[in-house]
Every structure is written in structure tokens, then in C-alpha cells.
Amino acid sequence: MSLAAQEQQDISDKELVQFADAYTEVQVLNQQSQQKMMSILQEEGLEIERFNEIQQAKMDPNKKSDATDVEKKKHENITTKIEKMQPELEKNAIASIESTGISIKKFEALAAKIQEDTSLQQRLQTIMEKRQEK
């Protein structure tokens, strides 16, 4: 038996179910986080496309920004608010993952193995599909 096949056998269906539970929880949290970020953009009065353009120009030294001072200030306010949210979002994600009976370390290890192994991806997909049927 190959090493990859052996590793795949080492991951039980129970572990994959726990991973699926945790993954689903994280997806829900991500959606909620995105909604909060969209609310921040709306509060500041900056469209997401414009925010992204300003962000890209800020990250790329070869790109000149055409943002007005007002837009730059809005971008800065949004970025600050989102950065302040990060620690709580991370704490909530960890708590959510661990509430499913899996440690964050195990979740990350399984995620890495699943990403590398198509047979694990198929097993996980089967578990996720069965849930959607219910």
C-alpha cells in the first residue's frame, strides 16, 4: 500500500464528519463576517469595487491611485474597522471549530491532507452531499 493510501486510511469517517461539521461552521461565520464588512463599507459610503481598487493601488507600488482624499479617508476607516474585527473573528472561528469536537490543530492538519488527496476530497464531498439531501 502506498504512503498516500495509508494516510488516507488513517483518517476515519468520524474525523471527516467532524471536519465537515467544523468546515460548515467556518463557512457560516465567513458569510456573517462578509456581511459585517459590507455593512462597514455601506456605513462609510464606499462601494466594494472602489474599495478594492484603492486597496490594490495601495498594495502595488507600481499602481498610482486616483482616489480622492475623501475616498482615501473612507478606505482607511474601513480598513481600521475590519482590522479591529479580526481577533474576535479568529476567536469565534476557533471556538466554532472546537465546538464540533475537533481541535484547531487537527482541523488544519486535515485541511492540508484533504487539499493534497483527491480521494479524501471525494470522501468529504460525499459526506457534504449526504447532508444537503437531508
N, C-alpha and C. Protein backbone atom coordinates (compact mmCIF):
# COMPACT_ATOMS: atom_id res chain seq x y z
N MET A 1 0.85 -1.18 0.00
CA MET A 1 0.00 0.00 0.00
C MET A 1 0.90 1.25 0.00
N SER A 2 0.55 2.23 -0.81
CA SER A 2 1.36 3.44 -0.88
C SER A 2 1.17 4.27 0.39
N LEU A 3 2.09 5.18 0.61
CA LEU A 3 2.02 6.05 1.79
C LEU A 3 0.76 6.90 1.77
N ALA A 4 0.42 7.44 0.60
CA ALA A 4 -0.79 8.27 0.47
C ALA A 4 -2.04 7.45 0.80
N ALA A 5 -2.09 6.24 0.30
CA ALA A 5 -3.24 5.37 0.59
C ALA A 5 -3.30 5.04 2.07
N GLN A 6 -2.13 4.83 2.69
CA GLN A 6 -2.08 4.54 4.12
C GLN A 6 -2.58 5.75 4.92
N GLU A 7 -2.12 6.95 4.56
CA GLU A 7 -2.57 8.15 5.25
C GLU A 7 -4.08 8.34 5.11
N GLN A 8 -4.57 8.08 3.91
CA GLN A 8 -6.00 8.23 3.65
C GLN A 8 -6.79 7.27 4.52
N GLN A 9 -6.28 6.06 4.71
CA GLN A 9 -6.95 5.09 5.56
C GLN A 9 -6.89 5.52 7.03
N ASP A 10 -5.84 6.27 7.39
CA ASP A 10 -5.69 6.72 8.78
C ASP A 10 -6.74 7.74 9.18
N ILE A 11 -7.38 8.37 8.21
CA ILE A 11 -8.40 9.37 8.51
C ILE A 11 -9.75 8.68 8.47
N SER A 12 -10.36 8.60 9.63
CA SER A 12 -11.63 7.88 9.75
C SER A 12 -12.80 8.72 9.22
N ASP A 13 -13.90 8.03 8.99
CA ASP A 13 -15.11 8.74 8.58
C ASP A 13 -15.55 9.70 9.68
N LYS A 14 -15.36 9.29 10.94
CA LYS A 14 -15.73 10.16 12.07
C LYS A 14 -14.94 11.47 12.00
N GLU A 15 -13.63 11.36 11.72
CA GLU A 15 -12.81 12.57 11.61
C GLU A 15 -13.27 13.44 10.44
N LEU A 16 -13.61 12.80 9.34
CA LEU A 16 -14.09 13.58 8.19
C LEU A 16 -15.43 14.24 8.49
N VAL A 17 -16.29 13.56 9.23
CA VAL A 17 -17.57 14.15 9.62
C VAL A 17 -17.32 15.35 10.54
N GLN A 18 -16.40 15.20 11.49
CA GLN A 18 -16.07 16.32 12.37
C GLN A 18 -15.50 17.48 11.55
N PHE A 19 -14.64 17.15 10.61
CA PHE A 19 -14.07 18.19 9.75
C PHE A 19 -15.20 18.88 8.97
N ALA A 20 -16.11 18.10 8.42
CA ALA A 20 -17.24 18.66 7.66
C ALA A 20 -18.07 19.58 8.55
N ASP A 21 -18.33 19.16 9.79
CA ASP A 21 -19.07 20.00 10.73
C ASP A 21 -18.34 21.32 10.95
N ALA A 22 -17.05 21.22 11.22
CA ALA A 22 -16.25 22.41 11.50
C ALA A 22 -16.17 23.30 10.27
N TYR A 23 -15.97 22.69 9.11
CA TYR A 23 -15.89 23.45 7.86
C TYR A 23 -17.19 24.21 7.61
N THR A 24 -18.32 23.55 7.85
CA THR A 24 -19.63 24.19 7.67
C THR A 24 -19.78 25.37 8.62
N GLU A 25 -19.36 25.18 9.87
CA GLU A 25 -19.42 26.27 10.86
C GLU A 25 -18.58 27.46 10.40
N VAL A 26 -17.39 27.19 9.90
CA VAL A 26 -16.49 28.25 9.45
C VAL A 26 -17.11 28.98 8.25
N GLN A 27 -17.75 28.23 7.35
CA GLN A 27 -18.39 28.86 6.19
C GLN A 27 -19.48 29.83 6.64
N VAL A 28 -20.28 29.42 7.62
CA VAL A 28 -21.34 30.28 8.14
C VAL A 28 -20.73 31.54 8.76
N LEU A 29 -19.67 31.36 9.56
CA LEU A 29 -19.00 32.51 10.16
C LEU A 29 -18.42 33.44 9.09
N ASN A 30 -17.86 32.86 8.04
CA ASN A 30 -17.31 33.68 6.96
C ASN A 30 -18.39 34.52 6.29
N GLN A 31 -19.54 33.92 6.07
CA GLN A 31 -20.65 34.66 5.47
C GLN A 31 -21.09 35.81 6.38
N GLN A 32 -21.18 35.53 7.68
CA GLN A 32 -21.56 36.57 8.63
C GLN A 32 -20.52 37.69 8.65
N SER A 33 -19.25 37.31 8.59
CA SER A 33 -18.17 38.29 8.59
C SER A 33 -18.23 39.16 7.34
N GLN A 34 -18.49 38.54 6.21
CA GLN A 34 -18.59 39.31 4.97
C GLN A 34 -19.76 40.29 5.03
N GLN A 35 -20.86 39.86 5.64
CA GLN A 35 -22.00 40.77 5.79
C GLN A 35 -21.63 41.96 6.68
N LYS A 36 -20.89 41.69 7.76
CA LYS A 36 -20.45 42.79 8.63
C LYS A 36 -19.54 43.75 7.88
N MET A 37 -18.63 43.18 7.07
CA MET A 37 -17.72 44.03 6.31
C MET A 37 -18.48 44.86 5.28
N MET A 38 -19.48 44.27 4.66
CA MET A 38 -20.31 45.02 3.71
C MET A 38 -21.05 46.15 4.41
N SER A 39 -21.50 45.90 5.64
CA SER A 39 -22.17 46.94 6.42
C SER A 39 -21.22 48.10 6.70
N ILE A 40 -19.97 47.76 7.01
CA ILE A 40 -18.96 48.80 7.26
C ILE A 40 -18.75 49.63 6.00
N LEU A 41 -18.65 48.97 4.85
CA LEU A 41 -18.50 49.69 3.59
C LEU A 41 -19.68 50.63 3.36
N GLN A 42 -20.89 50.14 3.60
CA GLN A 42 -22.08 50.96 3.41
C GLN A 42 -22.09 52.14 4.37
N GLU A 43 -21.73 51.89 5.64
CA GLU A 43 -21.69 52.96 6.63
C GLU A 43 -20.73 54.07 6.21
N GLU A 44 -19.60 53.67 5.64
CA GLU A 44 -18.59 54.64 5.23
C GLU A 44 -18.91 55.25 3.86
N GLY A 45 -19.84 54.64 3.14
CA GLY A 45 -20.26 55.19 1.85
C GLY A 45 -19.28 54.92 0.72
N LEU A 46 -18.69 53.72 0.73
CA LEU A 46 -17.75 53.36 -0.33
C LEU A 46 -18.19 52.03 -0.94
N GLU A 47 -18.31 52.01 -2.27
CA GLU A 47 -18.68 50.79 -2.98
C GLU A 47 -17.54 49.78 -2.87
N ILE A 48 -17.88 48.49 -2.86
CA ILE A 48 -16.86 47.45 -2.72
C ILE A 48 -15.85 47.49 -3.86
N GLU A 49 -16.34 47.73 -5.07
CA GLU A 49 -15.42 47.79 -6.22
C GLU A 49 -14.40 48.91 -6.02
N ARG A 50 -14.88 50.06 -5.56
CA ARG A 50 -13.99 51.20 -5.35
C ARG A 50 -13.02 50.92 -4.21
N PHE A 51 -13.51 50.31 -3.14
CA PHE A 51 -12.64 49.93 -2.02
C PHE A 51 -11.52 49.02 -2.53
N ASN A 52 -11.88 48.02 -3.33
CA ASN A 52 -10.89 47.08 -3.87
C ASN A 52 -9.88 47.77 -4.78
N GLU A 53 -10.35 48.72 -5.60
CA GLU A 53 -9.43 49.47 -6.47
C GLU A 53 -8.41 50.25 -5.64
N ILE A 54 -8.89 50.90 -4.61
CA ILE A 54 -8.00 51.68 -3.74
C ILE A 54 -7.03 50.74 -3.02
N GLN A 55 -7.54 49.61 -2.56
CA GLN A 55 -6.71 48.63 -1.86
C GLN A 55 -5.61 48.10 -2.78
N GLN A 56 -5.97 47.77 -4.00
CA GLN A 56 -4.98 47.26 -4.95
C GLN A 56 -3.91 48.31 -5.25
N ALA A 57 -4.33 49.54 -5.43
CA ALA A 57 -3.36 50.61 -5.69
C ALA A 57 -2.43 50.81 -4.50
N LYS A 58 -2.98 50.65 -3.31
CA LYS A 58 -2.18 50.80 -2.10
C LYS A 58 -1.16 49.68 -1.97
N MET A 59 -1.53 48.46 -2.41
CA MET A 59 -0.66 47.29 -2.27
C MET A 59 0.40 47.21 -3.37
N ASP A 60 0.12 47.85 -4.50
CA ASP A 60 1.02 47.75 -5.66
C ASP A 60 1.76 49.08 -5.84
N PRO A 61 3.07 49.09 -5.56
CA PRO A 61 3.82 50.34 -5.67
C PRO A 61 3.89 50.88 -7.10
N ASN A 62 3.63 50.05 -8.08
CA ASN A 62 3.67 50.49 -9.48
C ASN A 62 2.34 51.07 -9.95
N LYS A 63 1.34 50.98 -9.09
CA LYS A 63 0.00 51.44 -9.47
C LYS A 63 -0.30 52.76 -8.77
N LYS A 64 -0.68 53.76 -9.54
CA LYS A 64 -1.00 55.07 -8.97
C LYS A 64 -2.49 55.11 -8.69
N SER A 65 -2.83 55.56 -7.52
CA SER A 65 -4.22 55.65 -7.12
C SER A 65 -4.82 56.97 -7.60
N ASP A 66 -6.05 56.88 -8.08
CA ASP A 66 -6.77 58.09 -8.44
C ASP A 66 -7.81 58.45 -7.37
N ALA A 67 -7.65 57.85 -6.19
CA ALA A 67 -8.61 58.07 -5.10
C ALA A 67 -8.52 59.51 -4.59
N THR A 68 -9.66 60.06 -4.30
CA THR A 68 -9.71 61.40 -3.71
C THR A 68 -9.31 61.29 -2.24
N ASP A 69 -9.03 62.41 -1.61
CA ASP A 69 -8.69 62.41 -0.19
C ASP A 69 -9.83 61.84 0.64
N VAL A 70 -11.06 62.18 0.25
CA VAL A 70 -12.23 61.67 0.97
C VAL A 70 -12.30 60.15 0.84
N GLU A 71 -12.07 59.62 -0.37
CA GLU A 71 -12.09 58.17 -0.56
C GLU A 71 -10.97 57.50 0.21
N LYS A 72 -9.79 58.11 0.22
CA LYS A 72 -8.66 57.55 0.98
C LYS A 72 -9.00 57.48 2.47
N LYS A 73 -9.65 58.51 2.98
CA LYS A 73 -10.04 58.54 4.40
C LYS A 73 -11.08 57.45 4.68
N LYS A 74 -12.05 57.30 3.79
CA LYS A 74 -13.06 56.24 3.95
C LYS A 74 -12.39 54.86 3.93
N HIS A 75 -11.47 54.68 2.99
CA HIS A 75 -10.75 53.41 2.88
C HIS A 75 -10.00 53.13 4.17
N GLU A 76 -9.33 54.13 4.70
CA GLU A 76 -8.58 53.98 5.95
C GLU A 76 -9.50 53.61 7.10
N ASN A 77 -10.65 54.29 7.19
CA ASN A 77 -11.63 54.00 8.25
C ASN A 77 -12.13 52.55 8.15
N ILE A 78 -12.44 52.13 6.94
CA ILE A 78 -12.94 50.77 6.72
C ILE A 78 -11.87 49.75 7.11
N THR A 79 -10.65 49.97 6.65
CA THR A 79 -9.55 49.06 6.94
C THR A 79 -9.33 48.94 8.45
N THR A 80 -9.37 50.06 9.14
CA THR A 80 -9.19 50.07 10.60
C THR A 80 -10.29 49.26 11.28
N LYS A 81 -11.53 49.48 10.88
CA LYS A 81 -12.66 48.76 11.49
C LYS A 81 -12.56 47.25 11.23
N ILE A 82 -12.17 46.88 10.01
CA ILE A 82 -12.05 45.46 9.68
C ILE A 82 -10.91 44.83 10.47
N GLU A 83 -9.79 45.53 10.57
CA GLU A 83 -8.66 45.02 11.35
C GLU A 83 -9.03 44.82 12.82
N LYS A 84 -9.85 45.71 13.36
CA LYS A 84 -10.30 45.58 14.75
C LYS A 84 -11.20 44.36 14.94
N MET A 85 -11.89 43.95 13.87
CA MET A 85 -12.78 42.78 13.93
C MET A 85 -12.00 41.47 13.94
N GLN A 86 -10.81 41.46 13.33
CA GLN A 86 -10.06 40.23 13.11
C GLN A 86 -9.86 39.34 14.34
N PRO A 87 -9.37 39.89 15.47
CA PRO A 87 -9.15 39.00 16.63
C PRO A 87 -10.42 38.28 17.09
N GLU A 88 -11.55 38.98 17.08
CA GLU A 88 -12.79 38.35 17.51
C GLU A 88 -13.25 37.32 16.47
N LEU A 89 -13.07 37.62 15.20
CA LEU A 89 -13.44 36.66 14.15
C LEU A 89 -12.62 35.38 14.29
N GLU A 90 -11.33 35.54 14.54
CA GLU A 90 -10.46 34.37 14.70
C GLU A 90 -10.86 33.57 15.95
N LYS A 91 -11.13 34.27 17.03
CA LYS A 91 -11.54 33.61 18.28
C LYS A 91 -12.84 32.84 18.05
N ASN A 92 -13.79 33.46 17.36
CA ASN A 92 -15.07 32.80 17.07
C ASN A 92 -14.87 31.58 16.17
N ALA A 93 -13.98 31.69 15.18
CA ALA A 93 -13.73 30.57 14.28
C ALA A 93 -13.13 29.40 15.04
N ILE A 94 -12.17 29.66 15.90
CA ILE A 94 -11.55 28.60 16.69
C ILE A 94 -12.57 27.95 17.61
N ALA A 95 -13.36 28.76 18.30
CA ALA A 95 -14.39 28.23 19.20
C ALA A 95 -15.40 27.40 18.42
N SER A 96 -15.77 27.88 17.25
CA SER A 96 -16.74 27.18 16.42
C SER A 96 -16.19 25.83 15.97
N ILE A 97 -14.94 25.82 15.54
CA ILE A 97 -14.30 24.58 15.11
C ILE A 97 -14.22 23.61 16.28
N GLU A 98 -13.75 24.08 17.42
CA GLU A 98 -13.58 23.21 18.58
C GLU A 98 -14.90 22.71 19.14
N SER A 99 -15.99 23.46 18.90
CA SER A 99 -17.31 23.02 19.38
C SER A 99 -17.79 21.77 18.66
N THR A 100 -17.16 21.45 17.54
CA THR A 100 -17.55 20.25 16.79
C THR A 100 -16.78 19.02 17.25
N GLY A 101 -15.88 19.19 18.24
CA GLY A 101 -15.14 18.06 18.78
C GLY A 101 -13.79 17.84 18.13
N ILE A 102 -13.30 18.82 17.41
CA ILE A 102 -12.01 18.71 16.74
C ILE A 102 -11.15 19.91 17.14
N SER A 103 -9.89 19.69 17.36
CA SER A 103 -9.01 20.80 17.73
C SER A 103 -8.65 21.60 16.48
N ILE A 104 -8.25 22.84 16.68
CA ILE A 104 -7.86 23.69 15.55
C ILE A 104 -6.66 23.07 14.84
N LYS A 105 -5.75 22.50 15.62
CA LYS A 105 -4.55 21.87 15.04
C LYS A 105 -4.95 20.69 14.14
N LYS A 106 -5.87 19.87 14.62
CA LYS A 106 -6.34 18.71 13.85
C LYS A 106 -7.10 19.19 12.61
N PHE A 107 -7.92 20.23 12.76
CA PHE A 107 -8.67 20.78 11.64
C PHE A 107 -7.72 21.24 10.54
N GLU A 108 -6.69 21.98 10.92
CA GLU A 108 -5.72 22.48 9.94
C GLU A 108 -4.95 21.34 9.29
N ALA A 109 -4.59 20.32 10.08
CA ALA A 109 -3.87 19.17 9.53
C ALA A 109 -4.76 18.41 8.53
N LEU A 110 -6.02 18.21 8.90
CA LEU A 110 -6.95 17.53 7.99
C LEU A 110 -7.16 18.36 6.72
N ALA A 111 -7.30 19.66 6.88
CA ALA A 111 -7.49 20.53 5.72
C ALA A 111 -6.32 20.39 4.74
N ALA A 112 -5.11 20.34 5.28
CA ALA A 112 -3.92 20.20 4.43
C ALA A 112 -3.93 18.84 3.72
N LYS A 113 -4.27 17.78 4.46
CA LYS A 113 -4.30 16.44 3.86
C LYS A 113 -5.39 16.34 2.79
N ILE A 114 -6.54 16.91 3.09
CA ILE A 114 -7.66 16.87 2.15
C ILE A 114 -7.30 17.63 0.88
N GLN A 115 -6.64 18.75 1.03
CA GLN A 115 -6.26 19.55 -0.12
C GLN A 115 -5.30 18.79 -1.05
N GLU A 116 -4.48 17.94 -0.48
CA GLU A 116 -3.48 17.20 -1.25
C GLU A 116 -4.00 15.88 -1.82
N ASP A 117 -5.08 15.36 -1.27
CA ASP A 117 -5.51 13.99 -1.58
C ASP A 117 -6.91 13.98 -2.21
N THR A 118 -6.98 13.65 -3.49
CA THR A 118 -8.28 13.67 -4.18
C THR A 118 -9.25 12.63 -3.62
N SER A 119 -8.75 11.51 -3.13
CA SER A 119 -9.67 10.50 -2.58
C SER A 119 -10.31 11.01 -1.28
N LEU A 120 -9.54 11.75 -0.49
CA LEU A 120 -10.12 12.37 0.71
C LEU A 120 -11.13 13.45 0.31
N GLN A 121 -10.81 14.20 -0.73
CA GLN A 121 -11.75 15.21 -1.21
C GLN A 121 -13.07 14.57 -1.62
N GLN A 122 -12.98 13.43 -2.28
CA GLN A 122 -14.19 12.72 -2.71
C GLN A 122 -14.98 12.21 -1.51
N ARG A 123 -14.28 11.66 -0.52
CA ARG A 123 -14.96 11.19 0.70
C ARG A 123 -15.66 12.34 1.40
N LEU A 124 -14.98 13.48 1.50
CA LEU A 124 -15.57 14.66 2.14
C LEU A 124 -16.77 15.16 1.33
N GLN A 125 -16.63 15.19 0.03
CA GLN A 125 -17.73 15.65 -0.82
C GLN A 125 -18.95 14.76 -0.64
N THR A 126 -18.74 13.46 -0.53
CA THR A 126 -19.85 12.53 -0.32
C THR A 126 -20.56 12.84 1.00
N ILE A 127 -19.78 13.10 2.04
CA ILE A 127 -20.36 13.44 3.35
C ILE A 127 -21.17 14.73 3.23
N MET A 128 -20.61 15.73 2.56
CA MET A 128 -21.29 17.02 2.43
C MET A 128 -22.58 16.88 1.60
N GLU A 129 -22.53 16.08 0.55
CA GLU A 129 -23.71 15.87 -0.30
C GLU A 129 -24.82 15.16 0.46
N LYS A 130 -24.46 14.18 1.27
CA LYS A 130 -25.45 13.45 2.07
C LYS A 130 -26.17 14.41 3.02
N ARG A 131 -25.44 15.38 3.55
CA ARG A 131 -26.04 16.35 4.46
C ARG A 131 -27.05 17.24 3.75
N GLN A 132 -26.73 17.61 2.53
CA GLN A 132 -27.62 18.50 1.78
C GLN A 132 -28.90 17.79 1.39
N GLU A 133 -28.86 16.48 1.31
CA GLU A 133 -30.03 15.71 0.95
C GLU A 133 -31.04 15.66 2.10
N LYS A 134 -30.55 15.88 3.31
CA LYS A 134 -31.43 15.76 4.49
C LYS A 134 -32.33 16.97 4.63
